[in-house]
């Protein structure tokens, strides 16, 4: 699988893992200390080839994603679910692209989203409450499943409506995902 766009990752271990999975070029941010030179390199890549932001599914990865979005509009996004980014080989739990399987990386890159300008969504906060995505006992687990299923990454309750709107997820798509979740997922009470 050849990826035309430049893929933005956090470090060289991520680059090595990406290159095992696909034929692609990367730009490394060197962690969350993203600087002006790196942003300029990403801006140039966006103008020439396009950019896919593919950061770790954790707070620093989300922070990097937001910084790039703020400075360089029009980037695409790939998300890896937390369970597919865990390091299972050590006692210390860490999350990162470098721990993902080749198949998980390929799947994430097949489901790339482009952010849209903020539009009015047919989903509202009351819907999210009704579907148990915010304010309920299992809301975090339900958002985790939904983010993985829709390939939009995990969010907190405050970010969910914005993320659904940015990625143009319709109420119909949300309802279909909720129906699948309710059939597949059994929660311990």
N, C-alpha and C. Protein backbone atom coordinates (compact mmCIF):
# COMPACT_ATOMS: atom_id res chain seq x y z
N UNK A 1 0.85 -1.18 0.00
CA UNK A 1 0.00 0.00 0.00
C UNK A 1 0.89 1.24 0.00
N UNK A 2 0.72 2.08 -1.00
CA UNK A 2 1.49 3.33 -1.11
C UNK A 2 0.61 4.48 -0.65
N UNK A 3 1.15 5.33 0.23
CA UNK A 3 0.43 6.48 0.73
C UNK A 3 1.05 7.73 0.11
N UNK A 4 0.24 8.48 -0.62
CA UNK A 4 0.70 9.68 -1.32
C UNK A 4 1.07 10.78 -0.34
N UNK A 5 0.24 10.98 0.69
CA UNK A 5 0.46 12.06 1.64
C UNK A 5 1.65 11.76 2.56
N UNK A 6 2.20 12.82 3.14
CA UNK A 6 3.20 12.67 4.20
C UNK A 6 2.45 12.34 5.48
N UNK A 7 2.98 11.42 6.26
CA UNK A 7 2.33 11.03 7.52
C UNK A 7 3.10 11.66 8.68
N UNK A 8 2.40 12.43 9.50
CA UNK A 8 3.02 13.06 10.67
C UNK A 8 2.90 12.10 11.85
N UNK A 9 4.06 11.75 12.41
CA UNK A 9 4.13 10.87 13.59
C UNK A 9 4.96 11.56 14.66
N UNK A 10 5.01 10.96 15.84
CA UNK A 10 5.72 11.59 16.95
C UNK A 10 7.22 11.31 16.96
N UNK A 11 7.64 10.13 16.53
CA UNK A 11 9.06 9.83 16.64
C UNK A 11 9.55 8.78 15.67
N UNK A 12 10.84 8.47 15.74
CA UNK A 12 11.44 7.55 14.77
C UNK A 12 10.95 6.12 14.92
N UNK A 13 10.57 5.70 16.14
CA UNK A 13 10.02 4.35 16.30
C UNK A 13 8.67 4.23 15.57
N UNK A 14 7.90 5.34 15.59
CA UNK A 14 6.63 5.36 14.85
C UNK A 14 6.91 5.26 13.35
N UNK A 15 7.90 6.02 12.88
CA UNK A 15 8.27 5.98 11.46
C UNK A 15 8.64 4.56 11.05
N UNK A 16 9.46 3.91 11.86
CA UNK A 16 9.90 2.54 11.53
C UNK A 16 8.69 1.60 11.43
N UNK A 17 7.76 1.75 12.34
CA UNK A 17 6.57 0.88 12.35
C UNK A 17 5.68 1.16 11.14
N UNK A 18 5.48 2.43 10.83
CA UNK A 18 4.67 2.83 9.67
C UNK A 18 5.27 2.23 8.40
N UNK A 19 6.60 2.31 8.29
CA UNK A 19 7.24 1.85 7.07
C UNK A 19 7.24 0.33 6.93
N UNK A 20 7.00 -0.39 8.01
CA UNK A 20 6.78 -1.83 7.92
C UNK A 20 5.40 -2.12 7.33
N UNK A 21 4.45 -1.21 7.59
CA UNK A 21 3.06 -1.42 7.20
C UNK A 21 2.73 -0.91 5.81
N UNK A 22 3.30 0.24 5.44
CA UNK A 22 2.97 0.88 4.17
C UNK A 22 4.20 1.55 3.58
N UNK A 23 4.12 1.85 2.30
CA UNK A 23 5.17 2.61 1.63
C UNK A 23 4.79 4.08 1.78
N UNK A 24 5.47 4.79 2.68
CA UNK A 24 5.11 6.17 2.97
C UNK A 24 6.30 6.95 3.51
N UNK A 25 6.21 8.26 3.38
CA UNK A 25 7.19 9.16 3.98
C UNK A 25 6.57 9.77 5.22
N UNK A 26 7.41 10.07 6.20
CA UNK A 26 6.90 10.62 7.45
C UNK A 26 7.61 11.91 7.81
N UNK A 27 6.95 12.68 8.66
CA UNK A 27 7.54 13.83 9.33
C UNK A 27 7.40 13.54 10.81
N UNK A 28 8.49 13.62 11.54
CA UNK A 28 8.47 13.34 12.99
C UNK A 28 8.42 14.66 13.76
N UNK A 29 7.54 14.70 14.74
CA UNK A 29 7.42 15.91 15.57
C UNK A 29 8.39 15.88 16.74
N UNK A 30 9.03 14.74 16.98
CA UNK A 30 9.90 14.56 18.15
C UNK A 30 9.15 14.81 19.45
N UNK A 31 8.02 14.14 19.55
CA UNK A 31 7.21 14.26 20.75
C UNK A 31 6.35 15.51 20.72
N UNK A 32 5.88 15.91 21.89
CA UNK A 32 4.93 17.03 21.95
C UNK A 32 5.59 18.39 21.90
N UNK A 33 6.91 18.43 21.84
CA UNK A 33 7.63 19.71 21.75
C UNK A 33 7.72 20.14 20.29
N UNK A 34 6.59 20.28 19.63
CA UNK A 34 6.55 20.62 18.22
C UNK A 34 6.98 22.08 18.04
N UNK A 35 7.93 22.31 17.13
CA UNK A 35 8.47 23.66 16.98
C UNK A 35 8.07 24.28 15.64
N UNK A 36 8.47 25.55 15.44
CA UNK A 36 8.11 26.28 14.23
C UNK A 36 8.67 25.63 12.97
N UNK A 37 9.90 25.10 13.06
CA UNK A 37 10.50 24.47 11.88
C UNK A 37 9.70 23.24 11.46
N UNK A 38 9.27 22.46 12.44
CA UNK A 38 8.47 21.27 12.13
C UNK A 38 7.12 21.68 11.54
N UNK A 39 6.50 22.71 12.11
CA UNK A 39 5.23 23.19 11.57
C UNK A 39 5.41 23.69 10.13
N UNK A 40 6.51 24.35 9.84
CA UNK A 40 6.77 24.81 8.48
C UNK A 40 6.95 23.64 7.52
N UNK A 41 7.65 22.60 7.99
CA UNK A 41 7.84 21.40 7.17
C UNK A 41 6.48 20.75 6.88
N UNK A 42 5.62 20.69 7.89
CA UNK A 42 4.28 20.10 7.71
C UNK A 42 3.46 20.97 6.76
N UNK A 43 3.54 22.30 6.91
CA UNK A 43 2.81 23.21 6.02
C UNK A 43 3.24 23.01 4.56
N UNK A 44 4.53 22.91 4.35
CA UNK A 44 5.06 22.69 2.99
C UNK A 44 4.57 21.35 2.43
N UNK A 45 4.62 20.31 3.25
CA UNK A 45 4.15 18.98 2.82
C UNK A 45 2.66 19.03 2.50
N UNK A 46 1.88 19.76 3.29
CA UNK A 46 0.44 19.87 3.05
C UNK A 46 0.18 20.52 1.69
N UNK A 47 0.95 21.54 1.36
CA UNK A 47 0.77 22.23 0.08
C UNK A 47 1.19 21.35 -1.10
N UNK A 48 2.23 20.55 -0.93
CA UNK A 48 2.78 19.75 -2.03
C UNK A 48 2.12 18.38 -2.21
N UNK A 49 1.90 17.68 -1.10
CA UNK A 49 1.46 16.28 -1.18
C UNK A 49 0.23 15.96 -0.34
N UNK A 50 -0.07 16.82 0.62
CA UNK A 50 -1.10 16.51 1.60
C UNK A 50 -0.47 15.87 2.82
N UNK A 51 -1.18 15.92 3.93
CA UNK A 51 -0.65 15.42 5.20
C UNK A 51 -1.72 14.59 5.91
N UNK A 52 -1.28 13.48 6.50
CA UNK A 52 -2.12 12.68 7.38
C UNK A 52 -1.49 12.75 8.77
N UNK A 53 -2.25 13.22 9.74
CA UNK A 53 -1.77 13.27 11.12
C UNK A 53 -2.11 11.93 11.77
N UNK A 54 -1.09 11.24 12.26
CA UNK A 54 -1.26 9.90 12.83
C UNK A 54 -0.46 9.82 14.12
N UNK A 55 -1.00 10.44 15.16
CA UNK A 55 -0.31 10.51 16.45
C UNK A 55 -0.84 9.44 17.40
N UNK A 56 -0.12 9.26 18.50
CA UNK A 56 -0.49 8.27 19.50
C UNK A 56 -1.87 8.59 20.11
N UNK A 57 -2.62 7.56 20.50
CA UNK A 57 -3.95 7.77 21.07
C UNK A 57 -3.88 8.10 22.57
N UNK A 58 -3.20 9.19 22.88
CA UNK A 58 -3.08 9.64 24.27
C UNK A 58 -3.13 11.16 24.30
N UNK A 59 -3.02 11.73 25.50
CA UNK A 59 -3.12 13.19 25.62
C UNK A 59 -2.05 13.92 24.81
N UNK A 60 -0.76 13.56 24.92
CA UNK A 60 0.24 14.26 24.11
C UNK A 60 -0.02 14.15 22.60
N UNK A 61 -0.47 12.99 22.15
CA UNK A 61 -0.78 12.82 20.73
C UNK A 61 -1.92 13.71 20.30
N UNK A 62 -2.94 13.82 21.14
CA UNK A 62 -4.08 14.68 20.84
C UNK A 62 -3.66 16.15 20.85
N UNK A 63 -2.74 16.50 21.75
CA UNK A 63 -2.23 17.88 21.84
C UNK A 63 -1.48 18.23 20.54
N UNK A 64 -0.64 17.33 20.07
CA UNK A 64 0.09 17.55 18.81
C UNK A 64 -0.89 17.73 17.66
N UNK A 65 -1.88 16.85 17.60
CA UNK A 65 -2.91 16.91 16.55
C UNK A 65 -3.59 18.28 16.56
N UNK A 66 -3.94 18.77 17.74
CA UNK A 66 -4.63 20.06 17.85
C UNK A 66 -3.72 21.22 17.45
N UNK A 67 -2.45 21.17 17.82
CA UNK A 67 -1.51 22.23 17.43
C UNK A 67 -1.38 22.29 15.92
N UNK A 68 -1.23 21.14 15.29
CA UNK A 68 -1.10 21.11 13.83
C UNK A 68 -2.38 21.62 13.17
N UNK A 69 -3.54 21.18 13.65
CA UNK A 69 -4.83 21.64 13.11
C UNK A 69 -4.97 23.15 13.19
N UNK A 70 -4.52 23.69 14.30
CA UNK A 70 -4.63 25.13 14.53
C UNK A 70 -3.79 25.92 13.53
N UNK A 71 -2.60 25.40 13.21
CA UNK A 71 -1.67 26.13 12.34
C UNK A 71 -1.79 25.76 10.86
N UNK A 72 -2.26 24.55 10.56
CA UNK A 72 -2.27 24.07 9.17
C UNK A 72 -3.61 23.41 8.86
N UNK A 73 -4.55 24.19 8.35
CA UNK A 73 -5.85 23.60 8.02
C UNK A 73 -5.77 22.65 6.83
N UNK A 74 -6.71 21.73 6.78
CA UNK A 74 -6.82 20.83 5.63
C UNK A 74 -6.09 19.51 5.76
N UNK A 75 -5.48 19.25 6.90
CA UNK A 75 -4.80 17.97 7.09
C UNK A 75 -5.83 16.86 7.26
N UNK A 76 -5.43 15.66 6.88
CA UNK A 76 -6.27 14.49 7.09
C UNK A 76 -5.87 13.84 8.42
N UNK A 77 -6.72 12.95 8.92
CA UNK A 77 -6.48 12.34 10.22
C UNK A 77 -6.69 10.84 10.17
N UNK A 78 -5.77 10.11 10.80
CA UNK A 78 -5.92 8.67 11.00
C UNK A 78 -5.84 8.43 12.50
N UNK A 79 -6.65 7.52 12.98
CA UNK A 79 -6.71 7.22 14.41
C UNK A 79 -6.48 5.74 14.66
N UNK A 80 -5.76 5.45 15.72
CA UNK A 80 -5.53 4.08 16.16
C UNK A 80 -6.20 3.91 17.51
N UNK A 81 -7.08 2.92 17.66
CA UNK A 81 -7.70 2.70 18.98
C UNK A 81 -6.65 2.36 20.03
N UNK A 82 -6.91 2.78 21.26
CA UNK A 82 -5.95 2.56 22.36
C UNK A 82 -5.56 1.09 22.50
N UNK A 83 -6.54 0.19 22.38
CA UNK A 83 -6.24 -1.23 22.58
C UNK A 83 -5.30 -1.78 21.53
N UNK A 84 -5.24 -1.13 20.37
CA UNK A 84 -4.35 -1.59 19.30
C UNK A 84 -2.98 -0.90 19.36
N UNK A 85 -2.81 0.02 20.32
CA UNK A 85 -1.56 0.77 20.43
C UNK A 85 -0.84 0.49 21.74
N UNK A 86 -1.29 -0.53 22.46
CA UNK A 86 -0.68 -0.84 23.76
C UNK A 86 0.57 -1.69 23.60
N UNK A 87 1.54 -1.40 24.46
CA UNK A 87 2.75 -2.22 24.53
C UNK A 87 2.45 -3.37 25.49
N UNK A 88 2.30 -4.54 24.97
CA UNK A 88 1.97 -5.71 25.79
C UNK A 88 3.21 -6.49 26.21
N UNK A 89 4.38 -6.00 25.86
CA UNK A 89 5.60 -6.76 26.11
C UNK A 89 6.36 -6.32 27.36
N UNK A 90 5.86 -5.33 28.07
CA UNK A 90 6.57 -4.90 29.28
C UNK A 90 5.59 -4.69 30.43
N UNK A 91 6.13 -4.53 31.61
CA UNK A 91 5.29 -4.30 32.79
C UNK A 91 4.69 -2.90 32.76
N UNK A 92 5.41 -1.96 32.15
CA UNK A 92 4.95 -0.57 32.08
C UNK A 92 4.04 -0.42 30.86
N UNK A 93 2.82 0.01 31.09
CA UNK A 93 1.88 0.19 29.99
C UNK A 93 2.19 1.50 29.28
N UNK A 94 2.39 1.40 27.98
CA UNK A 94 2.57 2.61 27.18
C UNK A 94 1.76 2.47 25.90
N UNK A 95 1.37 3.61 25.36
CA UNK A 95 0.59 3.64 24.14
C UNK A 95 1.42 4.27 23.04
N UNK A 96 1.32 3.73 21.85
CA UNK A 96 2.01 4.37 20.74
C UNK A 96 1.84 3.63 19.44
N UNK A 97 1.98 4.37 18.36
CA UNK A 97 1.93 3.79 17.02
C UNK A 97 2.99 2.69 16.90
N UNK A 98 4.13 2.90 17.56
CA UNK A 98 5.24 1.94 17.45
C UNK A 98 4.89 0.56 18.01
N UNK A 99 3.82 0.44 18.79
CA UNK A 99 3.41 -0.85 19.36
C UNK A 99 2.32 -1.54 18.54
N UNK A 100 1.79 -0.86 17.55
CA UNK A 100 0.65 -1.40 16.79
C UNK A 100 1.10 -2.46 15.79
N UNK A 101 0.17 -3.34 15.47
CA UNK A 101 0.45 -4.34 14.45
C UNK A 101 0.42 -3.69 13.07
N UNK A 102 1.07 -4.33 12.12
CA UNK A 102 1.07 -3.85 10.74
C UNK A 102 -0.38 -3.74 10.25
N UNK A 103 -1.20 -4.73 10.56
CA UNK A 103 -2.59 -4.74 10.12
C UNK A 103 -3.38 -3.57 10.71
N UNK A 104 -3.15 -3.27 11.99
CA UNK A 104 -3.86 -2.16 12.63
C UNK A 104 -3.48 -0.83 11.99
N UNK A 105 -2.22 -0.65 11.66
CA UNK A 105 -1.77 0.58 11.00
C UNK A 105 -2.39 0.69 9.61
N UNK A 106 -2.38 -0.40 8.86
CA UNK A 106 -2.97 -0.38 7.52
C UNK A 106 -4.46 -0.05 7.59
N UNK A 107 -5.15 -0.63 8.55
CA UNK A 107 -6.59 -0.38 8.70
C UNK A 107 -6.85 1.08 9.05
N UNK A 108 -6.05 1.63 9.96
CA UNK A 108 -6.22 3.04 10.34
C UNK A 108 -5.99 3.96 9.14
N UNK A 109 -5.00 3.64 8.32
CA UNK A 109 -4.69 4.49 7.17
C UNK A 109 -5.69 4.31 6.02
N UNK A 110 -6.46 3.24 6.05
CA UNK A 110 -7.52 3.06 5.07
C UNK A 110 -8.76 3.88 5.42
N UNK A 111 -8.86 4.31 6.68
CA UNK A 111 -10.02 5.06 7.16
C UNK A 111 -9.60 6.46 7.59
N UNK A 112 -9.08 7.21 6.65
CA UNK A 112 -8.60 8.56 6.93
C UNK A 112 -9.75 9.55 6.78
N UNK A 113 -9.80 10.52 7.69
CA UNK A 113 -10.81 11.57 7.64
C UNK A 113 -10.17 12.91 7.36
N UNK A 114 -10.92 13.77 6.71
CA UNK A 114 -10.49 15.14 6.53
C UNK A 114 -11.44 16.01 7.35
N UNK A 115 -10.88 16.92 8.13
CA UNK A 115 -11.71 17.81 8.93
C UNK A 115 -12.48 18.74 8.00
N UNK A 116 -13.73 18.96 8.34
CA UNK A 116 -14.55 19.90 7.59
C UNK A 116 -14.65 21.19 8.40
N UNK A 117 -14.92 22.26 7.71
CA UNK A 117 -15.22 23.49 8.44
C UNK A 117 -16.42 23.19 9.32
N UNK A 118 -16.45 23.82 10.46
CA UNK A 118 -17.54 23.56 11.40
C UNK A 118 -18.88 23.86 10.73
N UNK A 119 -19.69 22.85 10.66
CA UNK A 119 -21.02 22.98 10.09
C UNK A 119 -22.02 22.73 11.20
N UNK A 120 -23.26 22.92 10.87
CA UNK A 120 -24.31 22.60 11.83
C UNK A 120 -24.57 21.11 11.71
N UNK A 121 -24.54 20.42 12.83
CA UNK A 121 -24.76 18.98 12.84
C UNK A 121 -26.21 18.68 13.15
N UNK A 122 -26.68 17.54 12.69
CA UNK A 122 -28.02 17.10 13.05
C UNK A 122 -28.00 16.31 14.37
N UNK A 123 -26.84 16.26 15.01
CA UNK A 123 -26.67 15.63 16.32
C UNK A 123 -26.56 16.75 17.34
N UNK A 124 -27.18 16.56 18.50
CA UNK A 124 -27.05 17.57 19.55
C UNK A 124 -26.67 16.91 20.88
N UNK A 125 -26.40 17.73 21.86
CA UNK A 125 -25.95 17.23 23.16
C UNK A 125 -26.99 16.29 23.79
N UNK A 126 -28.26 16.60 23.63
CA UNK A 126 -29.32 15.75 24.18
C UNK A 126 -29.24 14.34 23.59
N UNK A 127 -28.91 14.25 22.30
CA UNK A 127 -28.75 12.92 21.67
C UNK A 127 -27.64 12.14 22.35
N UNK A 128 -26.53 12.82 22.61
CA UNK A 128 -25.38 12.15 23.23
C UNK A 128 -25.72 11.66 24.63
N UNK A 129 -26.52 12.43 25.34
CA UNK A 129 -26.98 12.00 26.68
C UNK A 129 -27.91 10.79 26.53
N UNK A 130 -28.87 10.89 25.60
CA UNK A 130 -29.83 9.80 25.38
C UNK A 130 -29.14 8.49 25.00
N UNK A 131 -28.05 8.57 24.24
CA UNK A 131 -27.33 7.38 23.79
C UNK A 131 -26.28 6.92 24.80
N UNK A 132 -26.26 7.55 25.98
CA UNK A 132 -25.34 7.12 27.03
C UNK A 132 -23.88 7.43 26.74
N UNK A 133 -23.64 8.47 25.92
CA UNK A 133 -22.27 8.82 25.55
C UNK A 133 -21.69 9.91 26.45
N UNK A 134 -22.55 10.65 27.11
CA UNK A 134 -22.09 11.61 28.11
C UNK A 134 -23.02 11.55 29.32
N UNK A 135 -22.42 11.68 30.47
CA UNK A 135 -23.19 11.76 31.70
C UNK A 135 -23.61 10.45 32.34
N UNK A 136 -23.37 9.33 31.71
CA UNK A 136 -23.81 8.06 32.27
C UNK A 136 -22.66 7.26 32.87
N UNK A 137 -23.02 6.16 33.53
CA UNK A 137 -22.02 5.31 34.19
C UNK A 137 -21.00 4.74 33.21
N UNK A 138 -21.43 4.32 32.07
CA UNK A 138 -20.55 3.67 31.09
C UNK A 138 -20.21 4.59 29.92
N UNK A 139 -20.40 5.90 30.08
CA UNK A 139 -20.23 6.85 28.98
C UNK A 139 -18.82 6.81 28.39
N UNK A 140 -17.81 6.75 29.23
CA UNK A 140 -16.44 6.74 28.72
C UNK A 140 -16.17 5.49 27.89
N UNK A 141 -16.64 4.33 28.38
CA UNK A 141 -16.47 3.09 27.63
C UNK A 141 -17.22 3.14 26.31
N UNK A 142 -18.42 3.72 26.33
CA UNK A 142 -19.21 3.82 25.11
C UNK A 142 -18.55 4.76 24.10
N UNK A 143 -17.99 5.88 24.59
CA UNK A 143 -17.27 6.79 23.68
C UNK A 143 -16.03 6.12 23.11
N UNK A 144 -15.34 5.33 23.93
CA UNK A 144 -14.15 4.61 23.47
C UNK A 144 -14.53 3.66 22.32
N UNK A 145 -15.61 2.90 22.51
CA UNK A 145 -16.06 1.97 21.47
C UNK A 145 -16.48 2.74 20.22
N UNK A 146 -17.25 3.81 20.40
CA UNK A 146 -17.74 4.60 19.27
C UNK A 146 -16.58 5.20 18.48
N UNK A 147 -15.61 5.77 19.17
CA UNK A 147 -14.45 6.36 18.49
C UNK A 147 -13.70 5.34 17.67
N UNK A 148 -13.57 4.13 18.21
CA UNK A 148 -12.90 3.05 17.48
C UNK A 148 -13.73 2.61 16.28
N UNK A 149 -15.01 2.43 16.49
CA UNK A 149 -15.91 1.96 15.43
C UNK A 149 -16.00 2.97 14.28
N UNK A 150 -16.12 4.25 14.60
CA UNK A 150 -16.26 5.29 13.58
C UNK A 150 -14.90 5.76 13.05
N UNK A 151 -13.82 5.27 13.66
CA UNK A 151 -12.44 5.64 13.26
C UNK A 151 -12.18 7.13 13.44
N UNK A 152 -12.69 7.70 14.56
CA UNK A 152 -12.47 9.12 14.83
C UNK A 152 -11.69 9.34 16.13
N UNK A 153 -11.23 8.27 16.75
CA UNK A 153 -10.46 8.40 17.98
C UNK A 153 -11.35 8.61 19.20
N UNK A 154 -10.77 8.38 20.36
CA UNK A 154 -11.49 8.54 21.62
C UNK A 154 -11.51 10.01 22.01
N UNK A 155 -12.61 10.46 22.56
CA UNK A 155 -12.72 11.83 23.05
C UNK A 155 -13.35 11.84 24.43
N UNK A 156 -13.20 12.97 25.10
CA UNK A 156 -13.96 13.13 26.34
C UNK A 156 -15.36 13.61 25.97
N UNK A 157 -16.22 13.73 26.96
CA UNK A 157 -17.60 14.11 26.71
C UNK A 157 -17.75 15.47 26.06
N UNK A 158 -16.92 16.42 26.48
CA UNK A 158 -17.01 17.78 25.93
C UNK A 158 -16.58 17.84 24.48
N UNK A 159 -15.65 16.98 24.07
CA UNK A 159 -15.11 17.02 22.71
C UNK A 159 -15.94 16.22 21.71
N UNK A 160 -16.77 15.30 22.19
CA UNK A 160 -17.43 14.35 21.28
C UNK A 160 -18.28 15.02 20.21
N UNK A 161 -19.16 15.94 20.59
CA UNK A 161 -20.03 16.58 19.60
C UNK A 161 -19.20 17.33 18.56
N UNK A 162 -18.15 18.01 19.00
CA UNK A 162 -17.28 18.74 18.06
C UNK A 162 -16.61 17.76 17.09
N UNK A 163 -16.10 16.63 17.60
CA UNK A 163 -15.42 15.65 16.76
C UNK A 163 -16.40 15.04 15.75
N UNK A 164 -17.60 14.70 16.19
CA UNK A 164 -18.61 14.15 15.28
C UNK A 164 -18.94 15.15 14.17
N UNK A 165 -19.05 16.43 14.54
CA UNK A 165 -19.35 17.48 13.57
C UNK A 165 -18.18 17.68 12.61
N UNK A 166 -16.96 17.76 13.14
CA UNK A 166 -15.78 17.96 12.30
C UNK A 166 -15.62 16.87 11.25
N UNK A 167 -15.93 15.64 11.62
CA UNK A 167 -15.76 14.52 10.71
C UNK A 167 -17.05 14.18 9.97
N UNK A 168 -18.01 15.09 10.02
CA UNK A 168 -19.25 14.99 9.27
C UNK A 168 -19.99 13.68 9.50
N UNK A 169 -20.02 13.24 10.74
CA UNK A 169 -20.79 12.05 11.11
C UNK A 169 -22.24 12.49 11.27
N UNK A 170 -23.13 11.88 10.53
CA UNK A 170 -24.54 12.25 10.59
C UNK A 170 -25.23 11.53 11.75
N UNK A 171 -26.40 12.01 12.09
CA UNK A 171 -27.19 11.36 13.14
C UNK A 171 -27.52 9.93 12.73
N UNK A 172 -27.80 9.73 11.45
CA UNK A 172 -28.09 8.37 10.96
C UNK A 172 -26.90 7.45 11.19
N UNK A 173 -25.68 7.92 10.87
CA UNK A 173 -24.47 7.11 11.10
C UNK A 173 -24.28 6.84 12.60
N UNK A 174 -24.54 7.85 13.41
CA UNK A 174 -24.40 7.69 14.86
C UNK A 174 -25.38 6.65 15.38
N UNK A 175 -26.63 6.74 14.97
CA UNK A 175 -27.66 5.80 15.41
C UNK A 175 -27.30 4.37 14.99
N UNK A 176 -26.83 4.21 13.75
CA UNK A 176 -26.43 2.88 13.27
C UNK A 176 -25.29 2.33 14.12
N UNK A 177 -24.31 3.18 14.46
CA UNK A 177 -23.19 2.74 15.29
C UNK A 177 -23.66 2.37 16.69
N UNK A 178 -24.57 3.16 17.25
CA UNK A 178 -25.11 2.87 18.59
C UNK A 178 -25.84 1.53 18.59
N UNK A 179 -26.60 1.25 17.53
CA UNK A 179 -27.31 -0.02 17.43
C UNK A 179 -26.34 -1.19 17.39
N UNK A 180 -25.26 -1.06 16.64
CA UNK A 180 -24.23 -2.11 16.59
C UNK A 180 -23.60 -2.27 17.97
N UNK A 181 -23.26 -1.15 18.60
CA UNK A 181 -22.65 -1.21 19.93
C UNK A 181 -23.56 -1.93 20.91
N UNK A 182 -24.83 -1.58 20.90
CA UNK A 182 -25.76 -2.19 21.86
C UNK A 182 -25.95 -3.68 21.62
N UNK A 183 -25.75 -4.12 20.39
CA UNK A 183 -25.83 -5.56 20.09
C UNK A 183 -24.55 -6.28 20.45
N UNK A 184 -23.39 -5.64 20.24
CA UNK A 184 -22.10 -6.30 20.41
C UNK A 184 -21.53 -6.23 21.83
N UNK A 185 -21.75 -5.11 22.49
CA UNK A 185 -21.04 -4.86 23.76
C UNK A 185 -21.90 -5.24 24.95
N UNK A 186 -21.32 -6.06 25.80
CA UNK A 186 -21.97 -6.42 27.07
C UNK A 186 -21.21 -5.75 28.19
N UNK A 187 -21.87 -4.91 28.94
CA UNK A 187 -21.21 -4.21 30.05
C UNK A 187 -21.47 -4.95 31.35
N UNK A 188 -20.44 -5.03 32.17
CA UNK A 188 -20.61 -5.61 33.50
C UNK A 188 -21.32 -4.60 34.37
N UNK A 189 -22.37 -5.01 34.99
CA UNK A 189 -23.13 -4.08 35.85
C UNK A 189 -22.65 -4.17 37.28
